[in-house]
Amino acid sequence: MIINATINDANEIARIHVEAWRAAYKGIVPDSYLLNLSIEKRTKNWHNALSKSTNGTMLALNQSDRIVGWVSFGSCRDDDGMGIGEINAIYLLPDHWGKKIGKELMIFAESELTNMGYKVITLWVLELNHRARRFYEKLGYKYDGTAKKHNFDGLVLDEYRYRKTAQQGDALEELREDEDS
């Protein structure tokens, strides 16, 4: 099930954010950086973001109504992104990777962005995060040639911008039909 996030979800979002970062970026980002990630700091950031944001943050719940992942989306933050939507972030608890939850979150966010009138959707991904890049590419995203650098405790890594033309129609319904067949 996918539901809207509220301020009360800030701590769970932060916990998933940190756990997913530590699993996804192990061996890519220095351990020192990953060990210094703080659930408390991210909870404060998320509390602030959820109280002010015009962007959407949606939660994926498992069958026990436990939050297992989330996606955040809205207007593109890039200087050249006028009129473009963006998937700001998507994270799942590592034991829920590969179970189509991420795909459903992405399709939901894409549908929402399309309903908001965006014709193009972008997202950013670390060059060395091959698992995430394959995931986005399977969903139709392509590297658009734009990159920026990030410093992680002295290690400078490239982040690539991916882009996709927004799709009309009920992609969520198509996803559910695929799961039934």
N, C-alpha and C. Protein backbone atom coordinates (compact mmCIF):
# COMPACT_ATOMS: atom_id res chain seq x y z
N MET A 1 0.84 -1.17 0.00
CA MET A 1 0.00 0.00 0.00
C MET A 1 0.89 1.24 0.00
N ILE A 2 0.47 2.28 -0.70
CA ILE A 2 1.20 3.54 -0.76
C ILE A 2 0.32 4.62 -0.16
N ILE A 3 0.89 5.38 0.79
CA ILE A 3 0.16 6.45 1.46
C ILE A 3 1.02 7.71 1.53
N ASN A 4 0.39 8.85 1.80
CA ASN A 4 1.10 10.11 2.00
C ASN A 4 1.88 10.08 3.31
N ALA A 5 3.07 10.64 3.28
CA ALA A 5 3.86 10.80 4.51
C ALA A 5 3.35 12.00 5.29
N THR A 6 3.47 11.93 6.61
CA THR A 6 3.14 13.06 7.48
C THR A 6 4.35 13.35 8.37
N ILE A 7 4.28 14.44 9.09
CA ILE A 7 5.36 14.81 10.01
C ILE A 7 5.64 13.68 10.99
N ASN A 8 4.60 12.96 11.38
CA ASN A 8 4.76 11.85 12.33
C ASN A 8 5.61 10.71 11.78
N ASP A 9 5.83 10.69 10.47
CA ASP A 9 6.62 9.63 9.84
C ASP A 9 8.10 9.99 9.71
N ALA A 10 8.49 11.18 10.15
CA ALA A 10 9.85 11.68 9.93
C ALA A 10 10.92 10.71 10.46
N ASN A 11 10.72 10.16 11.65
CA ASN A 11 11.73 9.27 12.22
C ASN A 11 11.88 7.99 11.41
N GLU A 12 10.77 7.40 10.98
CA GLU A 12 10.84 6.16 10.18
C GLU A 12 11.48 6.42 8.82
N ILE A 13 11.13 7.56 8.20
CA ILE A 13 11.73 7.92 6.92
C ILE A 13 13.24 8.07 7.10
N ALA A 14 13.65 8.75 8.17
CA ALA A 14 15.08 8.95 8.44
C ALA A 14 15.79 7.62 8.68
N ARG A 15 15.16 6.74 9.43
CA ARG A 15 15.77 5.43 9.71
C ARG A 15 15.98 4.64 8.42
N ILE A 16 14.97 4.61 7.57
CA ILE A 16 15.08 3.90 6.29
C ILE A 16 16.14 4.57 5.42
N HIS A 17 16.15 5.90 5.43
CA HIS A 17 17.14 6.65 4.66
C HIS A 17 18.56 6.22 5.03
N VAL A 18 18.85 6.18 6.32
CA VAL A 18 20.19 5.83 6.80
C VAL A 18 20.49 4.35 6.51
N GLU A 19 19.57 3.45 6.83
CA GLU A 19 19.81 2.02 6.58
C GLU A 19 20.04 1.73 5.10
N ALA A 20 19.24 2.35 4.25
CA ALA A 20 19.39 2.14 2.80
C ALA A 20 20.70 2.71 2.29
N TRP A 21 21.07 3.90 2.76
CA TRP A 21 22.36 4.49 2.36
C TRP A 21 23.51 3.56 2.75
N ARG A 22 23.49 3.08 3.97
CA ARG A 22 24.60 2.23 4.44
C ARG A 22 24.71 0.95 3.64
N ALA A 23 23.60 0.40 3.19
CA ALA A 23 23.63 -0.82 2.38
C ALA A 23 23.96 -0.52 0.92
N ALA A 24 23.31 0.48 0.35
CA ALA A 24 23.47 0.77 -1.08
C ALA A 24 24.84 1.33 -1.42
N TYR A 25 25.41 2.10 -0.52
CA TYR A 25 26.67 2.79 -0.84
C TYR A 25 27.89 2.18 -0.18
N LYS A 26 27.72 1.03 0.47
CA LYS A 26 28.89 0.33 1.04
C LYS A 26 29.82 -0.07 -0.10
N GLY A 27 31.07 0.29 0.03
CA GLY A 27 32.05 0.00 -1.02
C GLY A 27 32.11 1.07 -2.11
N ILE A 28 31.20 2.03 -2.05
CA ILE A 28 31.19 3.14 -3.00
C ILE A 28 31.60 4.43 -2.29
N VAL A 29 30.92 4.70 -1.18
CA VAL A 29 31.18 5.87 -0.35
C VAL A 29 32.02 5.40 0.84
N PRO A 30 32.97 6.22 1.30
CA PRO A 30 33.80 5.78 2.44
C PRO A 30 32.97 5.38 3.66
N ASP A 31 33.45 4.32 4.34
CA ASP A 31 32.78 3.85 5.56
C ASP A 31 32.64 4.97 6.58
N SER A 32 33.64 5.85 6.66
CA SER A 32 33.58 6.95 7.63
C SER A 32 32.36 7.83 7.39
N TYR A 33 32.04 8.07 6.14
CA TYR A 33 30.86 8.87 5.81
C TYR A 33 29.58 8.14 6.22
N LEU A 34 29.51 6.86 5.87
CA LEU A 34 28.31 6.07 6.17
C LEU A 34 28.09 5.93 7.67
N LEU A 35 29.17 5.74 8.43
CA LEU A 35 29.05 5.59 9.88
C LEU A 35 28.59 6.88 10.56
N ASN A 36 28.87 8.02 9.92
CA ASN A 36 28.49 9.31 10.50
C ASN A 36 27.07 9.74 10.13
N LEU A 37 26.37 8.96 9.34
CA LEU A 37 24.98 9.29 9.03
C LEU A 37 24.18 9.22 10.32
N SER A 38 23.36 10.21 10.55
CA SER A 38 22.63 10.31 11.81
C SER A 38 21.12 10.26 11.58
N ILE A 39 20.49 9.28 12.20
CA ILE A 39 19.03 9.19 12.13
C ILE A 39 18.42 10.42 12.80
N GLU A 40 19.00 10.88 13.90
CA GLU A 40 18.47 12.03 14.61
C GLU A 40 18.51 13.28 13.74
N LYS A 41 19.64 13.54 13.07
CA LYS A 41 19.74 14.72 12.19
C LYS A 41 18.78 14.61 11.02
N ARG A 42 18.70 13.43 10.44
CA ARG A 42 17.80 13.26 9.30
C ARG A 42 16.34 13.36 9.74
N THR A 43 16.04 12.92 10.96
CA THR A 43 14.66 13.07 11.47
C THR A 43 14.31 14.55 11.55
N LYS A 44 15.22 15.36 12.08
CA LYS A 44 14.97 16.81 12.15
C LYS A 44 14.78 17.39 10.75
N ASN A 45 15.64 17.00 9.82
CA ASN A 45 15.53 17.48 8.44
C ASN A 45 14.20 17.07 7.83
N TRP A 46 13.80 15.81 8.04
CA TRP A 46 12.55 15.32 7.48
C TRP A 46 11.35 15.99 8.14
N HIS A 47 11.42 16.20 9.43
CA HIS A 47 10.33 16.88 10.12
C HIS A 47 10.13 18.27 9.51
N ASN A 48 11.23 18.99 9.32
CA ASN A 48 11.19 20.30 8.71
C ASN A 48 10.66 20.24 7.27
N ALA A 49 11.18 19.30 6.50
CA ALA A 49 10.78 19.18 5.09
C ALA A 49 9.30 18.83 4.96
N LEU A 50 8.83 17.90 5.78
CA LEU A 50 7.43 17.48 5.70
C LEU A 50 6.46 18.55 6.19
N SER A 51 6.94 19.45 7.03
CA SER A 51 6.06 20.51 7.52
C SER A 51 5.96 21.67 6.53
N LYS A 52 6.94 21.80 5.61
CA LYS A 52 6.97 22.94 4.70
C LYS A 52 6.82 22.57 3.23
N SER A 53 7.09 21.36 2.88
CA SER A 53 7.27 20.99 1.48
C SER A 53 5.99 21.02 0.66
N THR A 54 6.16 21.48 -0.58
CA THR A 54 5.09 21.35 -1.57
C THR A 54 5.34 20.11 -2.42
N ASN A 55 6.47 19.47 -2.19
CA ASN A 55 6.77 18.22 -2.90
C ASN A 55 6.01 17.08 -2.24
N GLY A 56 5.92 15.95 -2.94
CA GLY A 56 5.24 14.79 -2.40
C GLY A 56 6.22 13.80 -1.81
N THR A 57 5.86 13.22 -0.71
CA THR A 57 6.59 12.10 -0.15
C THR A 57 5.57 11.03 0.16
N MET A 58 5.79 9.87 -0.45
CA MET A 58 4.86 8.76 -0.31
C MET A 58 5.58 7.59 0.36
N LEU A 59 4.83 6.85 1.16
CA LEU A 59 5.38 5.72 1.90
C LEU A 59 4.83 4.41 1.36
N ALA A 60 5.68 3.40 1.34
CA ALA A 60 5.23 2.04 1.01
C ALA A 60 5.11 1.29 2.33
N LEU A 61 3.94 0.69 2.52
CA LEU A 61 3.68 -0.10 3.72
C LEU A 61 3.63 -1.57 3.36
N ASN A 62 4.14 -2.42 4.26
CA ASN A 62 4.01 -3.86 4.04
C ASN A 62 2.66 -4.33 4.55
N GLN A 63 2.43 -5.62 4.55
CA GLN A 63 1.13 -6.17 4.96
C GLN A 63 0.84 -5.95 6.44
N SER A 64 1.87 -5.64 7.23
CA SER A 64 1.68 -5.35 8.66
C SER A 64 1.59 -3.85 8.92
N ASP A 65 1.42 -3.06 7.85
CA ASP A 65 1.36 -1.60 7.92
C ASP A 65 2.64 -0.98 8.46
N ARG A 66 3.75 -1.65 8.25
CA ARG A 66 5.06 -1.11 8.62
C ARG A 66 5.64 -0.40 7.40
N ILE A 67 6.23 0.77 7.62
CA ILE A 67 6.85 1.51 6.52
C ILE A 67 8.12 0.78 6.10
N VAL A 68 8.22 0.45 4.81
CA VAL A 68 9.38 -0.28 4.31
C VAL A 68 10.13 0.51 3.23
N GLY A 69 9.58 1.65 2.81
CA GLY A 69 10.25 2.46 1.82
C GLY A 69 9.49 3.75 1.58
N TRP A 70 10.12 4.64 0.80
CA TRP A 70 9.49 5.92 0.50
C TRP A 70 10.09 6.50 -0.77
N VAL A 71 9.34 7.41 -1.35
CA VAL A 71 9.78 8.17 -2.51
C VAL A 71 9.39 9.63 -2.30
N SER A 72 10.26 10.53 -2.73
CA SER A 72 10.00 11.96 -2.64
C SER A 72 10.13 12.56 -4.04
N PHE A 73 9.22 13.46 -4.40
CA PHE A 73 9.20 14.00 -5.76
C PHE A 73 8.58 15.39 -5.76
N GLY A 74 8.82 16.13 -6.85
CA GLY A 74 8.26 17.46 -7.00
C GLY A 74 8.87 18.16 -8.19
N SER A 75 8.89 19.46 -8.15
CA SER A 75 9.50 20.25 -9.22
C SER A 75 11.00 20.00 -9.26
N CYS A 76 11.57 20.00 -10.44
CA CYS A 76 13.00 19.79 -10.61
C CYS A 76 13.78 20.92 -9.93
N ARG A 77 14.83 20.55 -9.21
CA ARG A 77 15.64 21.51 -8.48
C ARG A 77 16.78 22.09 -9.31
N ASP A 78 16.99 21.59 -10.52
CA ASP A 78 18.09 22.04 -11.36
C ASP A 78 17.79 23.38 -12.01
N ASP A 79 18.84 24.16 -12.27
CA ASP A 79 18.67 25.46 -12.91
C ASP A 79 17.98 25.36 -14.26
N ASP A 80 18.23 24.28 -14.98
CA ASP A 80 17.61 24.11 -16.31
C ASP A 80 16.35 23.27 -16.24
N GLY A 81 15.78 23.13 -15.05
CA GLY A 81 14.65 22.23 -14.86
C GLY A 81 13.29 22.88 -14.82
N MET A 82 13.15 24.07 -15.38
CA MET A 82 11.84 24.73 -15.37
C MET A 82 10.81 23.86 -16.09
N GLY A 83 9.70 23.61 -15.43
CA GLY A 83 8.64 22.82 -16.03
C GLY A 83 8.92 21.33 -16.08
N ILE A 84 9.92 20.88 -15.32
CA ILE A 84 10.31 19.48 -15.30
C ILE A 84 10.10 18.95 -13.88
N GLY A 85 9.60 17.73 -13.77
CA GLY A 85 9.43 17.09 -12.48
C GLY A 85 10.69 16.32 -12.11
N GLU A 86 10.82 15.99 -10.83
CA GLU A 86 12.01 15.26 -10.37
C GLU A 86 11.63 14.25 -9.29
N ILE A 87 12.22 13.07 -9.40
CA ILE A 87 12.21 12.11 -8.30
C ILE A 87 13.42 12.51 -7.45
N ASN A 88 13.17 13.08 -6.28
CA ASN A 88 14.26 13.57 -5.44
C ASN A 88 15.02 12.43 -4.76
N ALA A 89 14.28 11.41 -4.35
CA ALA A 89 14.92 10.29 -3.66
C ALA A 89 13.93 9.14 -3.57
N ILE A 90 14.48 7.94 -3.54
CA ILE A 90 13.69 6.74 -3.27
C ILE A 90 14.58 5.79 -2.49
N TYR A 91 14.06 5.30 -1.37
CA TYR A 91 14.82 4.37 -0.54
C TYR A 91 13.90 3.32 0.05
N LEU A 92 14.41 2.11 0.11
CA LEU A 92 13.69 0.98 0.71
C LEU A 92 14.62 0.31 1.72
N LEU A 93 14.01 -0.32 2.71
CA LEU A 93 14.82 -1.16 3.59
C LEU A 93 15.47 -2.24 2.73
N PRO A 94 16.74 -2.52 2.94
CA PRO A 94 17.45 -3.47 2.07
C PRO A 94 16.78 -4.83 1.92
N ASP A 95 16.12 -5.33 2.96
CA ASP A 95 15.47 -6.64 2.82
C ASP A 95 14.19 -6.59 1.98
N HIS A 96 13.86 -5.42 1.47
CA HIS A 96 12.70 -5.27 0.57
C HIS A 96 13.12 -4.93 -0.86
N TRP A 97 14.42 -4.92 -1.13
CA TRP A 97 14.91 -4.68 -2.49
C TRP A 97 14.53 -5.88 -3.36
N GLY A 98 14.25 -5.61 -4.62
CA GLY A 98 13.96 -6.67 -5.57
C GLY A 98 12.57 -7.28 -5.45
N LYS A 99 11.67 -6.62 -4.73
CA LYS A 99 10.32 -7.16 -4.52
C LYS A 99 9.24 -6.31 -5.20
N LYS A 100 9.63 -5.49 -6.14
CA LYS A 100 8.74 -4.62 -6.94
C LYS A 100 8.15 -3.46 -6.15
N ILE A 101 8.54 -3.27 -4.89
CA ILE A 101 8.04 -2.15 -4.10
C ILE A 101 8.62 -0.85 -4.64
N GLY A 102 9.90 -0.85 -4.95
CA GLY A 102 10.53 0.33 -5.52
C GLY A 102 9.91 0.71 -6.85
N LYS A 103 9.63 -0.29 -7.66
CA LYS A 103 9.01 -0.05 -8.96
C LYS A 103 7.64 0.58 -8.77
N GLU A 104 6.86 0.07 -7.82
CA GLU A 104 5.53 0.63 -7.59
C GLU A 104 5.62 2.06 -7.07
N LEU A 105 6.58 2.34 -6.18
CA LEU A 105 6.77 3.71 -5.70
C LEU A 105 7.15 4.66 -6.85
N MET A 106 8.05 4.19 -7.71
CA MET A 106 8.47 5.02 -8.85
C MET A 106 7.30 5.30 -9.77
N ILE A 107 6.55 4.29 -10.10
CA ILE A 107 5.42 4.47 -11.01
C ILE A 107 4.37 5.38 -10.38
N PHE A 108 4.16 5.25 -9.09
CA PHE A 108 3.22 6.13 -8.40
C PHE A 108 3.69 7.58 -8.50
N ALA A 109 4.98 7.83 -8.20
CA ALA A 109 5.53 9.19 -8.26
C ALA A 109 5.46 9.74 -9.68
N GLU A 110 5.79 8.90 -10.66
CA GLU A 110 5.72 9.34 -12.06
C GLU A 110 4.29 9.73 -12.43
N SER A 111 3.33 8.95 -11.99
CA SER A 111 1.93 9.23 -12.27
C SER A 111 1.51 10.56 -11.63
N GLU A 112 1.93 10.78 -10.40
CA GLU A 112 1.62 12.03 -9.72
C GLU A 112 2.25 13.22 -10.45
N LEU A 113 3.51 13.08 -10.86
CA LEU A 113 4.20 14.16 -11.57
C LEU A 113 3.52 14.44 -12.91
N THR A 114 3.10 13.38 -13.59
CA THR A 114 2.39 13.55 -14.86
C THR A 114 1.07 14.27 -14.63
N ASN A 115 0.35 13.89 -13.57
CA ASN A 115 -0.91 14.56 -13.24
C ASN A 115 -0.71 16.03 -12.88
N MET A 116 0.48 16.38 -12.40
CA MET A 116 0.80 17.78 -12.09
C MET A 116 1.15 18.56 -13.36
N GLY A 117 1.25 17.87 -14.48
CA GLY A 117 1.51 18.54 -15.75
C GLY A 117 2.94 18.45 -16.25
N TYR A 118 3.80 17.73 -15.55
CA TYR A 118 5.18 17.61 -16.00
C TYR A 118 5.27 16.65 -17.18
N LYS A 119 6.02 17.03 -18.18
CA LYS A 119 6.19 16.22 -19.40
C LYS A 119 7.49 15.41 -19.35
N VAL A 120 8.42 15.86 -18.50
CA VAL A 120 9.72 15.21 -18.36
C VAL A 120 9.99 15.02 -16.87
N ILE A 121 10.63 13.90 -16.52
CA ILE A 121 10.99 13.60 -15.14
C ILE A 121 12.48 13.30 -15.09
N THR A 122 13.16 13.88 -14.11
CA THR A 122 14.59 13.62 -13.93
C THR A 122 14.84 13.02 -12.55
N LEU A 123 16.04 12.49 -12.38
CA LEU A 123 16.52 12.02 -11.08
C LEU A 123 18.04 11.99 -11.15
N TRP A 124 18.67 11.96 -10.00
CA TRP A 124 20.13 11.91 -9.90
C TRP A 124 20.55 10.59 -9.25
N VAL A 125 21.66 10.02 -9.74
CA VAL A 125 22.16 8.75 -9.21
C VAL A 125 23.69 8.76 -9.29
N LEU A 126 24.33 8.23 -8.25
CA LEU A 126 25.79 8.13 -8.28
C LEU A 126 26.22 7.21 -9.42
N GLU A 127 27.24 7.64 -10.14
CA GLU A 127 27.76 6.87 -11.28
C GLU A 127 28.06 5.42 -10.88
N LEU A 128 28.65 5.23 -9.71
CA LEU A 128 29.08 3.90 -9.29
C LEU A 128 27.97 3.05 -8.67
N ASN A 129 26.77 3.60 -8.55
CA ASN A 129 25.65 2.85 -7.99
C ASN A 129 24.98 2.08 -9.15
N HIS A 130 25.64 1.03 -9.57
CA HIS A 130 25.19 0.27 -10.74
C HIS A 130 23.84 -0.39 -10.53
N ARG A 131 23.57 -0.85 -9.33
CA ARG A 131 22.27 -1.47 -9.04
C ARG A 131 21.13 -0.47 -9.29
N ALA A 132 21.26 0.73 -8.75
CA ALA A 132 20.22 1.75 -8.93
C ALA A 132 20.13 2.17 -10.40
N ARG A 133 21.27 2.31 -11.05
CA ARG A 133 21.25 2.71 -12.46
C ARG A 133 20.50 1.68 -13.31
N ARG A 134 20.74 0.39 -13.05
CA ARG A 134 20.00 -0.66 -13.79
C ARG A 134 18.50 -0.56 -13.51
N PHE A 135 18.15 -0.32 -12.25
CA PHE A 135 16.75 -0.18 -11.86
C PHE A 135 16.09 0.96 -12.64
N TYR A 136 16.73 2.13 -12.66
CA TYR A 136 16.16 3.28 -13.36
C TYR A 136 16.10 3.03 -14.87
N GLU A 137 17.13 2.40 -15.41
CA GLU A 137 17.15 2.13 -16.85
C GLU A 137 16.03 1.18 -17.25
N LYS A 138 15.73 0.19 -16.40
CA LYS A 138 14.61 -0.72 -16.67
C LYS A 138 13.28 0.02 -16.69
N LEU A 139 13.21 1.12 -15.96
CA LEU A 139 11.99 1.93 -15.93
C LEU A 139 11.96 2.98 -17.05
N GLY A 140 12.97 2.97 -17.92
CA GLY A 140 12.97 3.87 -19.07
C GLY A 140 13.78 5.14 -18.93
N TYR A 141 14.49 5.31 -17.82
CA TYR A 141 15.34 6.49 -17.64
C TYR A 141 16.65 6.30 -18.38
N LYS A 142 17.19 7.42 -18.89
CA LYS A 142 18.46 7.40 -19.60
C LYS A 142 19.34 8.55 -19.11
N TYR A 143 20.62 8.28 -19.02
CA TYR A 143 21.59 9.32 -18.65
C TYR A 143 21.54 10.41 -19.71
N ASP A 144 21.39 11.68 -19.29
CA ASP A 144 21.24 12.77 -20.25
C ASP A 144 22.53 13.54 -20.51
N GLY A 145 23.67 13.06 -19.99
CA GLY A 145 24.95 13.71 -20.23
C GLY A 145 25.33 14.74 -19.18
N THR A 146 24.45 14.99 -18.22
CA THR A 146 24.71 15.97 -17.17
C THR A 146 25.25 15.25 -15.94
N ALA A 147 26.34 15.80 -15.39
CA ALA A 147 26.95 15.21 -14.19
C ALA A 147 27.36 16.32 -13.24
N LYS A 148 27.45 15.96 -11.97
CA LYS A 148 27.99 16.86 -10.96
C LYS A 148 28.81 16.04 -10.00
N LYS A 149 29.68 16.70 -9.28
CA LYS A 149 30.59 16.01 -8.37
C LYS A 149 30.15 16.23 -6.92
N HIS A 150 30.34 15.18 -6.11
CA HIS A 150 30.06 15.25 -4.68
C HIS A 150 31.29 14.74 -3.93
N ASN A 151 31.59 15.40 -2.82
CA ASN A 151 32.72 15.01 -1.99
C ASN A 151 32.19 14.27 -0.77
N PHE A 152 32.62 13.03 -0.62
CA PHE A 152 32.25 12.19 0.52
C PHE A 152 33.51 11.90 1.32
N ASP A 153 33.75 12.69 2.35
CA ASP A 153 34.94 12.53 3.20
C ASP A 153 36.22 12.42 2.38
N GLY A 154 36.37 13.28 1.39
CA GLY A 154 37.59 13.32 0.59
C GLY A 154 37.53 12.53 -0.71
N LEU A 155 36.55 11.67 -0.86
CA LEU A 155 36.39 10.91 -2.09
C LEU A 155 35.36 11.65 -2.96
N VAL A 156 35.80 12.09 -4.14
CA VAL A 156 34.91 12.82 -5.05
C VAL A 156 34.32 11.84 -6.05
N LEU A 157 32.98 11.81 -6.10
CA LEU A 157 32.26 10.90 -6.97
C LEU A 157 31.33 11.69 -7.89
N ASP A 158 31.12 11.14 -9.08
CA ASP A 158 30.19 11.76 -10.03
C ASP A 158 28.78 11.27 -9.78
N GLU A 159 27.86 12.18 -9.93
CA GLU A 159 26.44 11.86 -9.88
C GLU A 159 25.87 12.21 -11.26
N TYR A 160 25.12 11.29 -11.83
CA TYR A 160 24.56 11.45 -13.17
C TYR A 160 23.08 11.79 -13.09
N ARG A 161 22.67 12.66 -14.02
CA ARG A 161 21.24 12.96 -14.12
C ARG A 161 20.62 12.05 -15.18
N TYR A 162 19.54 11.42 -14.81
CA TYR A 162 18.76 10.58 -15.71
C TYR A 162 17.46 11.31 -16.03
N ARG A 163 16.91 11.00 -17.20
CA ARG A 163 15.73 11.71 -17.69
C ARG A 163 14.79 10.73 -18.38
N LYS A 164 13.50 11.04 -18.29
CA LYS A 164 12.48 10.20 -18.93
C LYS A 164 11.32 11.09 -19.33
N THR A 165 10.72 10.79 -20.47
CA THR A 165 9.50 11.46 -20.86
C THR A 165 8.36 10.87 -20.05
N ALA A 166 7.55 11.74 -19.46
CA ALA A 166 6.42 11.29 -18.64
C ALA A 166 5.42 10.53 -19.50
N GLN A 167 4.85 9.49 -18.94
CA GLN A 167 3.90 8.64 -19.65
C GLN A 167 2.48 8.96 -19.22
N GLN A 168 1.58 9.03 -20.16
CA GLN A 168 0.16 9.20 -19.85
C GLN A 168 -0.44 7.83 -19.59
N GLY A 169 -1.57 7.79 -18.97
CA GLY A 169 -2.25 6.52 -18.73
C GLY A 169 -2.02 6.05 -17.31
N ASP A 170 -2.65 4.96 -16.98
CA ASP A 170 -2.59 4.44 -15.63
C ASP A 170 -1.50 3.38 -15.52
N ALA A 171 -0.26 3.82 -15.33
CA ALA A 171 0.87 2.91 -15.24
C ALA A 171 0.78 2.02 -14.01
N LEU A 172 0.20 2.52 -12.92
CA LEU A 172 0.05 1.69 -11.72
C LEU A 172 -0.86 0.50 -12.00
N GLU A 173 -1.93 0.72 -12.73
CA GLU A 173 -2.83 -0.38 -13.07
C GLU A 173 -2.12 -1.40 -13.95
N GLU A 174 -1.30 -0.91 -14.91
CA GLU A 174 -0.52 -1.82 -15.76
C GLU A 174 0.44 -2.65 -14.92
N LEU A 175 1.08 -2.03 -13.91
CA LEU A 175 2.00 -2.76 -13.03
C LEU A 175 1.25 -3.87 -12.30
N ARG A 176 0.09 -3.55 -11.76
CA ARG A 176 -0.67 -4.55 -11.02
C ARG A 176 -1.13 -5.70 -11.93
N GLU A 177 -1.48 -5.37 -13.18
CA GLU A 177 -1.86 -6.41 -14.13
C GLU A 177 -0.68 -7.32 -14.42
N ASP A 178 0.53 -6.74 -14.56
CA ASP A 178 1.73 -7.55 -14.78
C ASP A 178 1.97 -8.50 -13.62
N GLU A 179 1.73 -8.04 -12.37
CA GLU A 179 1.95 -8.88 -11.21
C GLU A 179 0.95 -10.03 -11.14
N ASP A 180 -0.26 -9.80 -11.67
CA ASP A 180 -1.29 -10.84 -11.64
C ASP A 180 -1.04 -11.91 -12.68
N SER A 181 -0.32 -11.58 -13.74
CA SER A 181 -0.13 -12.56 -14.82
C SER A 181 1.10 -13.42 -14.62
